[in-house]
C-alpha atoms as a PDB file:
ATOM      1  CA  MET A   1       5.668  -6.633  32.490  1.00  0.00           C
ATOM      2  CA  THR A   2       2.658  -6.708  34.445  1.00  0.00           C
ATOM      3  CA  GLY A   3      -0.343  -9.547  33.847  1.00  0.00           C
ATOM      4  CA  PHE A   4      -3.180  -9.131  31.111  1.00  0.00           C
ATOM      5  CA  SER A   5      -6.369  -8.067  31.679  1.00  0.00           C
ATOM      6  CA  TRP A   6      -9.206  -7.329  29.689  1.00  0.00           C
ATOM      7  CA  GLU A   7     -10.931  -5.024  32.041  1.00  0.00           C
ATOM      8  CA  ASP A   8      -7.924  -2.855  31.988  1.00  0.00           C
ATOM      9  CA  LEU A   9      -7.758  -2.759  28.411  1.00  0.00           C
ATOM     10  CA  TRP A  10     -11.278  -1.781  28.197  1.00  0.00           C
ATOM     11  CA  VAL A  11     -10.759   0.794  30.733  1.00  0.00           C
ATOM     12  CA  PHE A  12      -7.751   2.132  28.817  1.00  0.00           C
ATOM     13  CA  LEU A  13      -9.451   1.858  25.516  1.00  0.00           C
ATOM     14  CA  ASN A  14     -12.453   3.867  27.041  1.00  0.00           C
ATOM     15  CA  ARG A  15     -10.467   6.453  28.069  1.00  0.00           C
ATOM     16  CA  ARG A  16      -7.732   7.019  24.823  1.00  0.00           C
ATOM     17  CA  ALA A  17     -10.577   6.066  22.257  1.00  0.00           C
ATOM     18  CA  ASP A  18     -10.437   9.628  20.810  1.00  0.00           C
ATOM     19  CA  ASP A  19      -6.748   9.291  20.547  1.00  0.00           C
ATOM     20  CA  VAL A  20      -6.916   5.994  18.951  1.00  0.00           C
ATOM     21  CA  LEU A  21      -9.325   7.571  16.494  1.00  0.00           C
ATOM     22  CA  GLU A  22      -7.019  10.243  15.604  1.00  0.00           C
ATOM     23  CA  LEU A  23      -3.982   7.865  14.846  1.00  0.00           C
ATOM     24  CA  THR A  24      -6.298   5.435  12.829  1.00  0.00           C
ATOM     25  CA  ARG A  25      -7.350   8.596  10.912  1.00  0.00           C
ATOM     26  CA  ASP A  26      -3.623   9.891  10.459  1.00  0.00           C
ATOM     27  CA  HIS A  27      -2.408   5.771   9.464  1.00  0.00           C
ATOM     28  CA  LEU A  28      -5.616   5.965   6.718  1.00  0.00           C
ATOM     29  CA  VAL A  29      -4.831   8.934   5.320  1.00  0.00           C
ATOM     30  CA  VAL A  30      -0.686   8.600   4.675  1.00  0.00           C
ATOM     31  CA  VAL A  31      -1.895   5.219   3.502  1.00  0.00           C
ATOM     32  CA  LEU A  32      -3.909   6.927   0.854  1.00  0.00           C
ATOM     33  CA  ILE A  33      -1.722   9.382  -0.159  1.00  0.00           C
ATOM     34  CA  SER A  34       1.093   6.893  -0.497  1.00  0.00           C
ATOM     35  CA  LEU A  35      -1.147   4.578  -2.249  1.00  0.00           C
ATOM     36  CA  VAL A  36      -2.420   6.966  -4.984  1.00  0.00           C
ATOM     37  CA  LEU A  37       1.039   7.854  -5.544  1.00  0.00           C
ATOM     38  CA  ALA A  38       2.665   4.373  -6.089  1.00  0.00           C
ATOM     39  CA  ALA A  39      -0.343   3.982  -8.211  1.00  0.00           C
ATOM     40  CA  LEU A  40       0.265   6.913 -10.596  1.00  0.00           C
ATOM     41  CA  ILE A  41       3.641   5.725 -10.592  1.00  0.00           C
ATOM     42  CA  GLY A  42       3.607   2.231 -11.130  1.00  0.00           C
ATOM     43  CA  ILE A  43       1.219   1.919 -13.938  1.00  0.00           C
ATOM     44  CA  GLY A  44       2.592   4.783 -15.263  1.00  0.00           C
ATOM     45  CA  LEU A  45       6.001   2.818 -15.673  1.00  0.00           C
ATOM     46  CA  GLY A  46       4.364  -0.364 -16.286  1.00  0.00           C
ATOM     47  CA  ILE A  47       2.431   1.285 -19.632  1.00  0.00           C
ATOM     48  CA  LEU A  48       5.697   2.837 -20.601  1.00  0.00           C
ATOM     49  CA  VAL A  49       7.843  -0.312 -20.369  1.00  0.00           C
ATOM     50  CA  ARG A  50       5.146  -3.571 -21.030  1.00  0.00           C
ATOM     51  CA  ASN A  51       6.467  -3.799 -24.746  1.00  0.00           C
ATOM     52  CA  ARG A  52      10.263  -3.176 -23.587  1.00  0.00           C
ATOM     53  CA  TRP A  53      12.304  -6.124 -22.674  1.00  0.00           C
ATOM     54  CA  VAL A  54      15.366  -4.157 -21.196  1.00  0.00           C
ATOM     55  CA  ALA A  55      13.757  -1.631 -19.661  1.00  0.00           C
ATOM     56  CA  ARG A  56      10.567  -3.930 -18.457  1.00  0.00           C
ATOM     57  CA  THR A  57      13.316  -5.916 -16.627  1.00  0.00           C
ATOM     58  CA  THR A  58      15.401  -3.289 -15.260  1.00  0.00           C
ATOM     59  CA  VAL A  59      12.790  -1.605 -13.742  1.00  0.00           C
ATOM     60  CA  LEU A  60      11.302  -4.769 -12.344  1.00  0.00           C
ATOM     61  CA  THR A  61      14.645  -6.260 -10.882  1.00  0.00           C
ATOM     62  CA  ALA A  62      15.052  -2.620  -9.427  1.00  0.00           C
ATOM     63  CA  ALA A  63      11.933  -2.404  -7.421  1.00  0.00           C
ATOM     64  CA  ALA A  64      12.303  -6.161  -6.605  1.00  0.00           C
ATOM     65  CA  VAL A  65      15.666  -4.968  -4.781  1.00  0.00           C
ATOM     66  CA  ALA A  66      14.390  -2.093  -3.637  1.00  0.00           C
ATOM     67  CA  ILE A  67      11.419  -4.158  -1.864  1.00  0.00           C
ATOM     68  CA  THR A  68      14.580  -6.114   0.582  1.00  0.00           C
ATOM     69  CA  ILE A  69      15.866  -2.811   1.700  1.00  0.00           C
ATOM     70  CA  PRO A  70      15.081  -2.914   5.622  1.00  0.00           C
ATOM     71  CA  SER A  71      12.175  -0.322   6.430  1.00  0.00           C
ATOM     72  CA  LEU A  72      14.205   0.850   9.368  1.00  0.00           C
ATOM     73  CA  ALA A  73      17.176   0.915   7.430  1.00  0.00           C
ATOM     74  CA  LEU A  74      15.696   2.933   4.657  1.00  0.00           C
ATOM     75  CA  LEU A  75      13.734   5.164   7.018  1.00  0.00           C
ATOM     76  CA  ALA A  76      16.755   5.960   9.170  1.00  0.00           C
ATOM     77  CA  LEU A  77      18.597   7.172   5.830  1.00  0.00           C
ATOM     78  CA  LEU A  78      15.562   9.554   4.901  1.00  0.00           C
ATOM     79  CA  SER A  79      15.419  11.689   8.444  1.00  0.00           C
ATOM     80  CA  PRO A  80      18.705  13.390   7.565  1.00  0.00           C
ATOM     81  CA  ILE A  81      17.124  14.159   3.957  1.00  0.00           C
ATOM     82  CA  LEU A  82      13.639  14.373   4.105  1.00  0.00           C
ATOM     83  CA  GLY A  83      13.344  15.297   7.887  1.00  0.00           C
ATOM     84  CA  LEU A  84      11.119  13.296  10.333  1.00  0.00           C
ATOM     85  CA  GLY A  85       7.207  13.238  10.249  1.00  0.00           C
ATOM     86  CA  TRP A  86       5.134  12.415   7.176  1.00  0.00           C
ATOM     87  CA  VAL A  87       7.547  13.201   4.089  1.00  0.00           C
ATOM     88  CA  PRO A  88       9.668  10.490   4.920  1.00  0.00           C
ATOM     89  CA  THR A  89       6.991   8.013   5.577  1.00  0.00           C
ATOM     90  CA  VAL A  90       5.280   8.651   2.303  1.00  0.00           C
ATOM     91  CA  VAL A  91       8.622   8.269   0.573  1.00  0.00           C
ATOM     92  CA  ALA A  92       9.169   5.055   2.432  1.00  0.00           C
ATOM     93  CA  LEU A  93       5.899   3.733   1.824  1.00  0.00           C
ATOM     94  CA  VAL A  94       5.642   4.930  -1.998  1.00  0.00           C
ATOM     95  CA  PHE A  95       9.072   3.423  -2.518  1.00  0.00           C
ATOM     96  CA  TYR A  96       7.663  -0.012  -0.998  1.00  0.00           C
ATOM     97  CA  SER A  97       4.221  -0.283  -2.633  1.00  0.00           C
ATOM     98  CA  LEU A  98       5.876   0.336  -6.215  1.00  0.00           C
ATOM     99  CA  LEU A  99       6.928  -3.668  -7.139  1.00  0.00           C
ATOM    100  CA  PRO A 100       2.975  -5.467  -6.859  1.00  0.00           C
ATOM    101  CA  ILE A 101       1.873  -2.426  -8.778  1.00  0.00           C
ATOM    102  CA  ILE A 102       4.083  -2.306 -11.467  1.00  0.00           C
ATOM    103  CA  ARG A 103       4.488  -6.337 -12.181  1.00  0.00           C
ATOM    104  CA  ASN A 104       0.807  -6.649 -12.076  1.00  0.00           C
ATOM    105  CA  THR A 105       0.591  -3.929 -14.797  1.00  0.00           C
ATOM    106  CA  VAL A 106       2.863  -5.134 -17.046  1.00  0.00           C
ATOM    107  CA  VAL A 107       1.559  -8.673 -16.393  1.00  0.00           C
ATOM    108  CA  GLY A 108      -2.439  -7.555 -16.877  1.00  0.00           C
ATOM    109  CA  LEU A 109      -1.264  -5.350 -20.031  1.00  0.00           C
ATOM    110  CA  ARG A 110       0.659  -8.164 -21.719  1.00  0.00           C
ATOM    111  CA  GLU A 111      -2.063 -10.792 -20.605  1.00  0.00           C
ATOM    112  CA  VAL A 112      -4.442  -9.011 -23.503  1.00  0.00           C
ATOM    113  CA  PRO A 113      -5.302 -11.722 -25.969  1.00  0.00           C
ATOM    114  CA  LEU A 114      -3.237 -11.627 -29.341  1.00  0.00           C
ATOM    115  CA  PRO A 115      -6.526 -11.614 -31.098  1.00  0.00           C
ATOM    116  CA  VAL A 116      -8.567  -9.121 -29.208  1.00  0.00           C
ATOM    117  CA  LEU A 117      -5.714  -6.073 -29.905  1.00  0.00           C
ATOM    118  CA  GLU A 118      -5.786  -7.090 -33.634  1.00  0.00           C
ATOM    119  CA  ALA A 119     -10.089  -6.635 -34.074  1.00  0.00           C
ATOM    120  CA  ALA A 120      -9.489  -3.114 -32.597  1.00  0.00           C
ATOM    121  CA  ARG A 121      -6.763  -2.380 -34.356  1.00  0.00           C
ATOM    122  CA  GLY A 122      -8.531  -3.424 -37.328  1.00  0.00           C
ATOM    123  CA  MET A 123     -11.401  -1.398 -36.267  1.00  0.00           C
ATOM    124  CA  GLY A 124      -9.328   1.545 -36.714  1.00  0.00           C
ATOM    125  CA  LEU A 125      -7.848   2.500 -33.207  1.00  0.00           C
ATOM    126  CA  GLY A 126      -4.856   3.907 -32.696  1.00  0.00           C
ATOM    127  CA  PRO A 127      -2.445   2.884 -30.604  1.00  0.00           C
ATOM    128  CA  THR A 128      -3.780   4.980 -27.370  1.00  0.00           C
ATOM    129  CA  ARG A 129      -7.138   4.176 -28.054  1.00  0.00           C
ATOM    130  CA  VAL A 130      -5.828   0.473 -27.876  1.00  0.00           C
ATOM    131  CA  LEU A 131      -4.658   0.977 -24.735  1.00  0.00           C
ATOM    132  CA  PHE A 132      -7.452   2.532 -22.905  1.00  0.00           C
ATOM    133  CA  THR A 133     -10.184   1.440 -24.379  1.00  0.00           C
ATOM    134  CA  VAL A 134      -9.201  -2.142 -24.689  1.00  0.00           C
ATOM    135  CA  GLN A 135      -5.920  -2.968 -23.040  1.00  0.00           C
ATOM    136  CA  LEU A 136      -6.350  -1.329 -19.790  1.00  0.00           C
ATOM    137  CA  PRO A 137      -9.939  -2.385 -19.159  1.00  0.00           C
ATOM    138  CA  ILE A 138      -8.908  -5.696 -19.572  1.00  0.00           C
ATOM    139  CA  ALA A 139      -5.952  -5.660 -17.377  1.00  0.00           C
ATOM    140  CA  TRP A 140      -7.745  -3.911 -14.745  1.00  0.00           C
ATOM    141  CA  PRO A 141      -8.715  -6.276 -12.320  1.00  0.00           C
ATOM    142  CA  VAL A 142      -4.815  -7.593 -12.135  1.00  0.00           C
ATOM    143  CA  ILE A 143      -3.571  -4.112 -11.814  1.00  0.00           C
ATOM    144  CA  MET A 144      -6.179  -3.468  -8.950  1.00  0.00           C
ATOM    145  CA  THR A 145      -4.622  -6.972  -7.160  1.00  0.00           C
ATOM    146  CA  GLY A 146      -1.760  -5.323  -7.311  1.00  0.00           C
ATOM    147  CA  VAL A 147      -2.440  -2.506  -5.558  1.00  0.00           C
ATOM    148  CA  ARG A 148      -4.685  -4.409  -2.993  1.00  0.00           C
ATOM    149  CA  VAL A 149      -1.159  -5.977  -2.534  1.00  0.00           C
ATOM    150  CA  SER A 150       0.476  -2.605  -1.972  1.00  0.00           C
ATOM    151  CA  ALA A 151      -1.804  -0.982   0.180  1.00  0.00           C
ATOM    152  CA  GLN A 152      -1.685  -4.226   2.805  1.00  0.00           C
ATOM    153  CA  LEU A 153       2.277  -3.355   2.506  1.00  0.00           C
ATOM    154  CA  THR A 154       1.700   0.047   3.121  1.00  0.00           C
ATOM    155  CA  VAL A 155      -0.497  -0.262   6.199  1.00  0.00           C
ATOM    156  CA  GLY A 156       2.380  -2.462   8.111  1.00  0.00           C
ATOM    157  CA  ILE A 157       5.012  -0.164   6.986  1.00  0.00           C
ATOM    158  CA  ALA A 158       3.060   2.628   8.039  1.00  0.00           C
ATOM    159  CA  ALA A 159       3.175   1.632  11.832  1.00  0.00           C
ATOM    160  CA  ILE A 160       7.212   1.244  11.600  1.00  0.00           C
ATOM    161  CA  ALA A 161       7.212   4.909  10.254  1.00  0.00           C
ATOM    162  CA  ALA A 162       7.106   5.968  14.334  1.00  0.00           C
ATOM    163  CA  TYR A 163      10.925   5.629  14.281  1.00  0.00           C
ATOM    164  CA  VAL A 164      10.895   9.115  12.465  1.00  0.00           C
ATOM    165  CA  ALA A 165       8.140  10.063  14.356  1.00  0.00           C
ATOM    166  CA  GLY A 166       5.617   9.328  11.265  1.00  0.00           C
ATOM    167  CA  PRO A 167       1.642   9.832  12.146  1.00  0.00           C
ATOM    168  CA  GLY A 168      -0.690   6.847  12.369  1.00  0.00           C
ATOM    169  CA  LEU A 169      -0.593   3.553  14.816  1.00  0.00           C
ATOM    170  CA  GLY A 170       2.565   2.910  15.502  1.00  0.00           C
ATOM    171  CA  GLU A 171       3.269   5.448  17.828  1.00  0.00           C
ATOM    172  CA  TYR A 172       1.283   3.396  20.134  1.00  0.00           C
ATOM    173  CA  ILE A 173       3.075   0.209  19.220  1.00  0.00           C
ATOM    174  CA  PHE A 174       6.181   1.870  19.208  1.00  0.00           C
ATOM    175  CA  ARG A 175       5.000   3.303  23.379  1.00  0.00           C
ATOM    176  CA  GLY A 176       4.314   0.071  24.389  1.00  0.00           C
ATOM    177  CA  LEU A 177       7.543  -1.445  23.329  1.00  0.00           C
ATOM    178  CA  SER A 178       9.622   1.075  24.722  1.00  0.00           C
ATOM    179  CA  SER A 179       8.054   0.861  28.021  1.00  0.00           C
ATOM    180  CA  LEU A 180       7.379  -2.889  28.453  1.00  0.00           C
ATOM    181  CA  GLY A 181       7.124  -3.938  32.279  1.00  0.00           C
ATOM    182  CA  SER A 182       4.686  -0.444  33.115  1.00  0.00           C
ATOM    183  CA  LYS A 183       1.047  -0.733  33.830  1.00  0.00           C
ATOM    184  CA  ASN A 184      -0.135  -0.227  30.258  1.00  0.00           C
ATOM    185  CA  ALA A 185       2.683  -1.333  27.983  1.00  0.00           C
ATOM    186  CA  LEU A 186       0.891  -4.692  26.918  1.00  0.00           C
ATOM    187  CA  ASN A 187      -2.251  -2.330  25.985  1.00  0.00           C
ATOM    188  CA  TYR A 188      -0.359   0.029  24.057  1.00  0.00           C
ATOM    189  CA  ALA A 189       1.038  -2.289  21.806  1.00  0.00           C
ATOM    190  CA  LEU A 190      -2.191  -4.544  21.659  1.00  0.00           C
ATOM    191  CA  ILE A 191      -4.187  -1.367  20.645  1.00  0.00           C
ATOM    192  CA  GLY A 192      -1.942  -0.284  18.367  1.00  0.00           C
ATOM    193  CA  THR A 193      -1.065  -4.094  16.727  1.00  0.00           C
ATOM    194  CA  VAL A 194      -5.084  -4.692  16.517  1.00  0.00           C
ATOM    195  CA  ALA A 195      -6.367  -1.506  15.172  1.00  0.00           C
ATOM    196  CA  VAL A 196      -3.512  -1.931  12.149  1.00  0.00           C
ATOM    197  CA  ILE A 197      -4.589  -5.356  11.439  1.00  0.00           C
ATOM    198  CA  VAL A 198      -8.436  -4.196  11.623  1.00  0.00           C
ATOM    199  CA  LEU A 199      -7.704  -1.162   9.169  1.00  0.00           C
ATOM    200  CA  ALA A 200      -6.063  -3.398   7.047  1.00  0.00           C
ATOM    201  CA  LEU A 201      -8.873  -5.528   6.430  1.00  0.00           C
ATOM    202  CA  VAL A 202     -11.097  -2.787   5.877  1.00  0.00           C
ATOM    203  CA  LEU A 203      -9.181  -1.499   3.108  1.00  0.00           C
ATOM    204  CA  ASP A 204      -8.529  -4.315   1.656  1.00  0.00           C
ATOM    205  CA  ALA A 205     -12.465  -4.704   1.607  1.00  0.00           C
ATOM    206  CA  VAL A 206     -13.052  -1.436   0.049  1.00  0.00           C
ATOM    207  CA  LEU A 207      -9.908  -1.852  -2.266  1.00  0.00           C
ATOM    208  CA  ILE A 208     -12.181  -5.188  -3.476  1.00  0.00           C
ATOM    209  CA  LEU A 209     -15.201  -3.309  -3.722  1.00  0.00           C
ATOM    210  CA  ILE A 210     -13.924  -0.669  -5.605  1.00  0.00           C
ATOM    211  CA  ALA A 211     -12.292  -3.716  -8.540  1.00  0.00           C
ATOM    212  CA  ARG A 212     -15.856  -4.637  -8.780  1.00  0.00           C
ATOM    213  CA  LEU A 213     -17.543  -1.611  -9.591  1.00  0.00           C
ATOM    214  CA  THR A 214     -14.859  -0.264 -11.820  1.00  0.00           C
ATOM    215  CA  THR A 215     -14.121  -3.482 -13.455  1.00  0.00           C
ATOM    216  CA  SER A 216     -16.463  -4.105 -17.033  1.00  0.00           C
ATOM    217  CA  ARG A 217     -19.216  -6.625 -16.274  1.00  0.00           C
ATOM    218  CA  GLY A 218     -18.156  -9.089 -18.855  1.00  0.00           C
ATOM    219  CA  LEU A 219     -14.776  -9.620 -17.239  1.00  0.00           C
ATOM    220  CA  ARG A 220     -16.225  -9.877 -13.022  1.00  0.00           C
ATOM    221  CA  VAL A 221     -16.030 -13.349 -11.902  1.00  0.00           C
END
């Protein structure tokens, strides 16, 4: 392998800046699409199973087992069915994102103090209004923590989706690894990896801000 040089890396980055920005944009878009879908599914499932022991245990166990499947294996299984590119990537990312969101939704909702729920019912609120006006707002910080964990998982696994021609920075990482010994192999892998890390940090900071802005003032730490 050729030796590393900061000067060569800087030249490489300047020449491919537009390409890196485009890959970063695609990486972010596929992550956001997957995260929104996972949040809708995960929060919905968490709400449905929160008070049902058998259903709750089944869903959480299934999600926990699912996340142990190696990402390359899952992508390889999905590609003959869904083809290459965005679709198998989104399906895989949603698949891996569900556990933290479901688990935190269940935990957050079940940890709402019983006296608070009894007070809400005593004021004449029905189950649906109690859920949306009392339970979800109180559980929201815990739910958003699950979303943040899923976001970090998604950003990392999205890079592996280049295996099935998925969008994003994984293209550079795989290109670098597949051309070890060439002049720019290390530059490709390094730029792709660093960009993924930076994207993960920026996305987490944005989600922290969103969580703070959408949490009731009385619950903010």
